[in-house]
């Protein structure tokens, strides 16, 4: 793979990109002019408005196509890459049964005032997501889905009562960084209540950056598009390391 790359449109390395946005201006020539001005200030030169459509009387949606001179340096990219293999449900079940010799207990829910359960349900409910069954489908996983608007004290209390191996929380509401504050409050509560014996803590949501795990105080952050199989495979990987760490005195 090359270190330095440019966007590809019509020919290799021509720098052509397409972007879309909405401006609070009525549809018409002045609106197109405003879109071109914005595109130029974004570094697109030349730029063309290839599509514009009114959204009510006072807004216009645009698609703009143009060239940029920016170069992507692949060596400067910092992301979280999956360091564990994806396992099938049968492989997850057999590994859990062999290593834990009991069912793995997973407690999940949406904390704070967040009532958007679509994300946590996609991972936990048997119907699953993206063609994959949810964690309830796995024979060796026992799933406790607490649903929406779960308080942090109640989450800690229920997790202790269930002897949870892992806690999954979902956050969709992001106003005033509520997802960050709620997750930090949650991780701090588990550390205070359970110390090193706390369960694995996993946060997920469309606005989370996977690089934020340390800042949030959790073991893993999953972003948009995460599938149940990815989460199940991570649980097996992380709990296996945790079990080994407890035997050798090391951490996860």
Protein backbone atom coordinates (compact mmCIF):
# COMPACT_ATOMS: atom_id res chain seq x y z
CA UNK A 1 0.00 0.00 0.00
CA UNK A 2 1.25 3.46 -0.87
CA UNK A 3 1.97 5.86 1.98
CA UNK A 4 0.60 8.97 0.25
CA UNK A 5 -2.71 8.80 -1.58
CA UNK A 6 -5.25 11.18 -3.11
CA UNK A 7 -8.98 10.74 -3.78
CA UNK A 8 -9.99 8.98 -6.99
CA UNK A 9 -12.82 10.22 -9.21
CA UNK A 10 -12.36 9.97 -12.98
CA UNK A 11 -8.65 9.09 -13.09
CA UNK A 12 -6.21 7.80 -10.49
CA UNK A 13 -5.03 10.51 -8.11
CA UNK A 14 -7.14 13.31 -9.65
CA UNK A 15 -8.32 14.42 -6.20
CA UNK A 16 -12.01 14.44 -7.13
CA UNK A 17 -14.49 14.13 -4.25
CA UNK A 18 -18.25 14.41 -3.74
CA UNK A 19 -19.88 15.88 -0.68
CA UNK A 20 -23.39 16.83 0.41
CA UNK A 21 -24.77 19.41 2.82
CA UNK A 22 -27.75 21.66 3.54
CA UNK A 23 -27.76 25.46 3.73
CA UNK A 24 -30.48 27.64 5.29
CA UNK A 25 -31.20 29.50 2.03
CA UNK A 26 -34.15 29.27 -0.42
CA UNK A 27 -33.55 27.14 -3.51
CA UNK A 28 -32.30 29.10 -6.53
CA UNK A 29 -29.20 30.57 -8.21
CA UNK A 30 -28.08 32.41 -5.06
CA UNK A 31 -28.29 29.16 -3.12
CA UNK A 32 -26.08 27.42 -5.70
CA UNK A 33 -23.64 30.33 -5.43
CA UNK A 34 -23.56 29.95 -1.65
CA UNK A 35 -22.86 26.23 -2.01
CA UNK A 36 -19.97 26.90 -4.41
CA UNK A 37 -18.51 29.51 -2.07
CA UNK A 38 -18.61 27.05 0.81
CA UNK A 39 -17.05 24.33 -1.34
CA UNK A 40 -14.22 26.67 -2.36
CA UNK A 41 -13.56 27.53 1.29
CA UNK A 42 -13.44 23.78 2.02
CA UNK A 43 -10.62 23.47 -0.49
CA UNK A 44 -12.62 22.22 -3.48
CA UNK A 45 -11.43 24.02 -6.60
CA UNK A 46 -12.89 23.78 -9.15
CA UNK A 47 -16.25 22.73 -7.73
CA UNK A 48 -19.60 22.01 -9.37
CA UNK A 49 -23.09 21.84 -7.88
CA UNK A 50 -24.34 18.62 -9.47
CA UNK A 51 -27.59 18.48 -7.54
CA UNK A 52 -29.69 20.90 -5.52
CA UNK A 53 -33.16 20.40 -4.11
CA UNK A 54 -35.38 22.60 -1.94
CA UNK A 55 -36.21 21.38 1.56
CA UNK A 56 -39.24 23.47 2.33
CA UNK A 57 -39.23 27.19 1.52
CA UNK A 58 -36.08 28.18 3.42
CA UNK A 59 -33.53 25.36 2.99
CA UNK A 60 -31.66 23.75 0.11
CA UNK A 61 -29.85 20.41 -0.07
CA UNK A 62 -26.75 20.19 -2.28
CA UNK A 63 -24.45 17.61 -3.79
CA UNK A 64 -21.13 19.15 -4.85
CA UNK A 65 -18.39 17.53 -6.94
CA UNK A 66 -14.89 18.94 -7.19
CA UNK A 67 -11.15 18.56 -6.81
CA UNK A 68 -9.04 18.88 -3.67
CA UNK A 69 -5.28 19.09 -3.38
CA UNK A 70 -5.07 17.39 0.01
CA UNK A 71 -2.92 14.27 0.37
CA UNK A 72 -3.63 11.45 2.83
CA UNK A 73 -0.59 10.17 4.76
CA UNK A 74 -1.39 6.56 5.69
CA UNK A 75 1.42 6.51 8.28
CA UNK A 76 -0.36 9.21 10.32
CA UNK A 77 -3.62 7.29 10.67
CA UNK A 78 -4.51 6.23 14.22
CA UNK A 79 -7.39 3.79 14.56
CA UNK A 80 -8.38 0.77 16.64
CA UNK A 81 -8.01 -2.35 14.53
CA UNK A 82 -9.50 -5.68 15.50
CA UNK A 83 -6.76 -7.73 17.15
CA UNK A 84 -8.82 -10.88 17.62
CA UNK A 85 -10.36 -13.40 15.18
CA UNK A 86 -14.06 -13.38 14.38
CA UNK A 87 -15.63 -16.54 15.75
CA UNK A 88 -18.80 -18.31 14.73
CA UNK A 89 -21.54 -18.80 17.37
CA UNK A 90 -20.50 -22.44 17.78
CA UNK A 91 -16.87 -21.44 18.31
CA UNK A 92 -17.91 -18.83 20.89
CA UNK A 93 -20.04 -21.39 22.70
CA UNK A 94 -17.35 -24.07 22.78
CA UNK A 95 -14.67 -21.61 23.95
CA UNK A 96 -16.84 -20.23 26.75
CA UNK A 97 -17.84 -23.72 27.87
CA UNK A 98 -14.23 -24.88 27.91
CA UNK A 99 -12.69 -21.82 29.58
CA UNK A 100 -15.39 -20.73 32.04
CA UNK A 101 -17.17 -24.06 32.55
CA UNK A 102 -20.36 -22.09 33.00
CA UNK A 103 -22.38 -19.58 31.03
CA UNK A 104 -20.93 -16.13 30.48
CA UNK A 105 -23.21 -13.49 32.00
CA UNK A 106 -23.76 -10.26 30.10
CA UNK A 107 -25.76 -7.30 31.41
CA UNK A 108 -26.69 -4.53 29.00
CA UNK A 109 -28.77 -1.39 28.72
CA UNK A 110 -28.98 2.30 27.88
CA UNK A 111 -27.87 4.45 30.81
CA UNK A 112 -28.93 7.91 31.91
CA UNK A 113 -31.92 9.45 30.15
CA UNK A 114 -31.15 7.67 26.87
CA UNK A 115 -34.27 5.86 25.63
CA UNK A 116 -32.85 4.71 22.28
CA UNK A 117 -32.57 0.92 22.61
CA UNK A 118 -32.16 0.12 18.91
CA UNK A 119 -28.38 -0.22 19.26
CA UNK A 120 -28.26 -2.38 22.38
CA UNK A 121 -31.17 -4.48 21.10
CA UNK A 122 -29.35 -5.08 17.81
CA UNK A 123 -26.46 -6.61 19.75
CA UNK A 124 -28.35 -8.42 22.52
CA UNK A 125 -31.73 -9.50 21.10
CA UNK A 126 -31.90 -12.82 19.32
CA UNK A 127 -33.04 -11.19 16.05
CA UNK A 128 -29.65 -9.46 15.86
CA UNK A 129 -28.36 -7.16 13.15
CA UNK A 130 -26.82 -7.29 9.65
CA UNK A 131 -27.78 -10.92 9.15
CA UNK A 132 -26.22 -12.05 12.45
CA UNK A 133 -28.07 -13.40 15.48
CA UNK A 134 -27.80 -11.40 18.70
CA UNK A 135 -26.08 -12.59 21.85
CA UNK A 136 -29.29 -14.14 23.20
CA UNK A 137 -28.88 -16.74 20.45
CA UNK A 138 -25.58 -18.00 21.89
CA UNK A 139 -26.18 -21.10 24.03
CA UNK A 140 -23.34 -20.38 26.49
CA UNK A 141 -24.20 -16.69 27.02
CA UNK A 142 -26.81 -15.56 29.53
CA UNK A 143 -28.05 -12.10 28.56
CA UNK A 144 -29.81 -9.65 30.87
CA UNK A 145 -31.16 -6.71 28.86
CA UNK A 146 -32.20 -3.90 31.22
CA UNK A 147 -33.59 -1.74 28.41
CA UNK A 148 -33.70 2.05 28.45
CA UNK A 149 -33.01 4.83 30.96
CA UNK A 150 -31.12 2.68 33.44
CA UNK A 151 -29.49 4.62 36.26
CA UNK A 152 -25.82 3.95 36.95
CA UNK A 153 -26.45 2.79 40.56
CA UNK A 154 -29.11 0.35 39.32
CA UNK A 155 -26.75 -0.94 36.62
CA UNK A 156 -24.00 -1.59 39.16
CA UNK A 157 -26.41 -3.21 41.60
CA UNK A 158 -27.93 -5.51 39.00
CA UNK A 159 -24.54 -6.42 37.56
CA UNK A 160 -23.31 -7.46 41.00
CA UNK A 161 -26.48 -9.45 41.65
CA UNK A 162 -26.17 -11.25 38.32
CA UNK A 163 -22.41 -11.76 38.79
CA UNK A 164 -21.88 -10.26 35.36
CA UNK A 165 -18.77 -11.07 33.38
CA UNK A 166 -19.38 -8.13 31.06
CA UNK A 167 -21.51 -4.98 30.99
CA UNK A 168 -22.56 -3.43 27.67
CA UNK A 169 -23.96 0.08 27.58
CA UNK A 170 -25.32 1.96 24.59
CA UNK A 171 -25.45 5.73 24.21
CA UNK A 172 -27.16 7.51 21.32
CA UNK A 173 -28.00 10.86 22.92
CA UNK A 174 -24.95 13.12 22.52
CA UNK A 175 -26.19 16.61 23.41
CA UNK A 176 -23.61 18.41 25.56
CA UNK A 177 -21.45 15.26 25.38
CA UNK A 178 -23.96 13.34 27.51
CA UNK A 179 -22.67 10.02 26.12
CA UNK A 180 -19.16 10.80 27.36
CA UNK A 181 -20.18 12.01 30.81
CA UNK A 182 -22.59 9.10 31.35
CA UNK A 183 -20.00 6.52 30.37
CA UNK A 184 -17.31 8.05 32.58
CA UNK A 185 -19.76 8.10 35.49
CA UNK A 186 -20.57 4.45 34.86
CA UNK A 187 -16.95 3.29 34.73
CA UNK A 188 -16.07 5.28 37.86
CA UNK A 189 -19.00 3.72 39.72
CA UNK A 190 -17.88 0.20 38.84
CA UNK A 191 -14.30 0.92 39.90
CA UNK A 192 -15.48 2.31 43.23
CA UNK A 193 -17.92 -0.51 43.89
CA UNK A 194 -15.92 -3.48 42.66
CA UNK A 195 -12.31 -2.43 42.09
CA UNK A 196 -10.27 -4.99 40.14
CA UNK A 197 -13.16 -7.47 40.34
CA UNK A 198 -15.36 -5.33 38.10
CA UNK A 199 -16.75 -6.91 34.92
CA UNK A 200 -15.56 -6.02 31.46
CA UNK A 201 -17.02 -2.66 30.50
CA UNK A 202 -18.01 -2.06 26.89
CA UNK A 203 -19.54 1.12 25.47
CA UNK A 204 -21.17 1.50 22.08
CA UNK A 205 -22.89 4.15 20.02
CA UNK A 206 -22.70 5.98 16.69
CA UNK A 207 -20.82 9.00 18.08
CA UNK A 208 -18.18 7.14 20.07
CA UNK A 209 -14.59 7.07 18.84
CA UNK A 210 -13.01 3.62 19.50
CA UNK A 211 -9.81 5.44 20.52
CA UNK A 212 -11.67 6.87 23.55
CA UNK A 213 -11.67 3.67 25.63
CA UNK A 214 -8.96 4.90 28.00
CA UNK A 215 -10.56 8.32 28.41
CA UNK A 216 -13.93 6.73 29.14
CA UNK A 217 -12.51 4.15 31.55
CA UNK A 218 -13.88 1.15 29.63
CA UNK A 219 -12.27 -1.92 28.10
CA UNK A 220 -13.63 -1.40 24.60
CA UNK A 221 -15.59 1.10 22.53
CA UNK A 222 -17.63 0.00 19.53
CA UNK A 223 -18.90 2.48 16.94
CA UNK A 224 -21.57 2.40 14.26
CA UNK A 225 -21.98 -0.74 12.21
CA UNK A 226 -20.76 -3.11 14.93
CA UNK A 227 -22.26 -6.59 14.63
CA UNK A 228 -23.15 -9.08 17.40
CA UNK A 229 -20.44 -11.43 16.16
CA UNK A 230 -17.77 -8.78 16.68
CA UNK A 231 -18.92 -8.20 20.26
CA UNK A 232 -19.18 -11.92 21.05
CA UNK A 233 -15.70 -12.58 19.64
CA UNK A 234 -14.26 -9.70 21.67
CA UNK A 235 -15.87 -11.00 24.86
CA UNK A 236 -14.25 -14.39 24.38
CA UNK A 237 -10.90 -12.79 23.58
CA UNK A 238 -10.96 -10.29 26.47
CA UNK A 239 -12.28 -12.66 29.12
CA UNK A 240 -9.72 -15.24 28.07
CA UNK A 241 -6.97 -12.67 28.64
CA UNK A 242 -8.54 -11.60 31.92
CA UNK A 243 -8.69 -15.18 33.19
CA UNK A 244 -5.07 -15.72 32.18
CA UNK A 245 -4.11 -12.42 33.83
CA UNK A 246 -5.74 -13.46 37.11
CA UNK A 247 -3.75 -16.70 37.06
CA UNK A 248 -0.45 -14.96 36.35
CA UNK A 249 -1.02 -11.70 38.24
CA UNK A 250 -1.19 -9.60 35.08
CA UNK A 251 -4.02 -7.33 33.98
CA UNK A 252 -6.29 -7.45 30.95
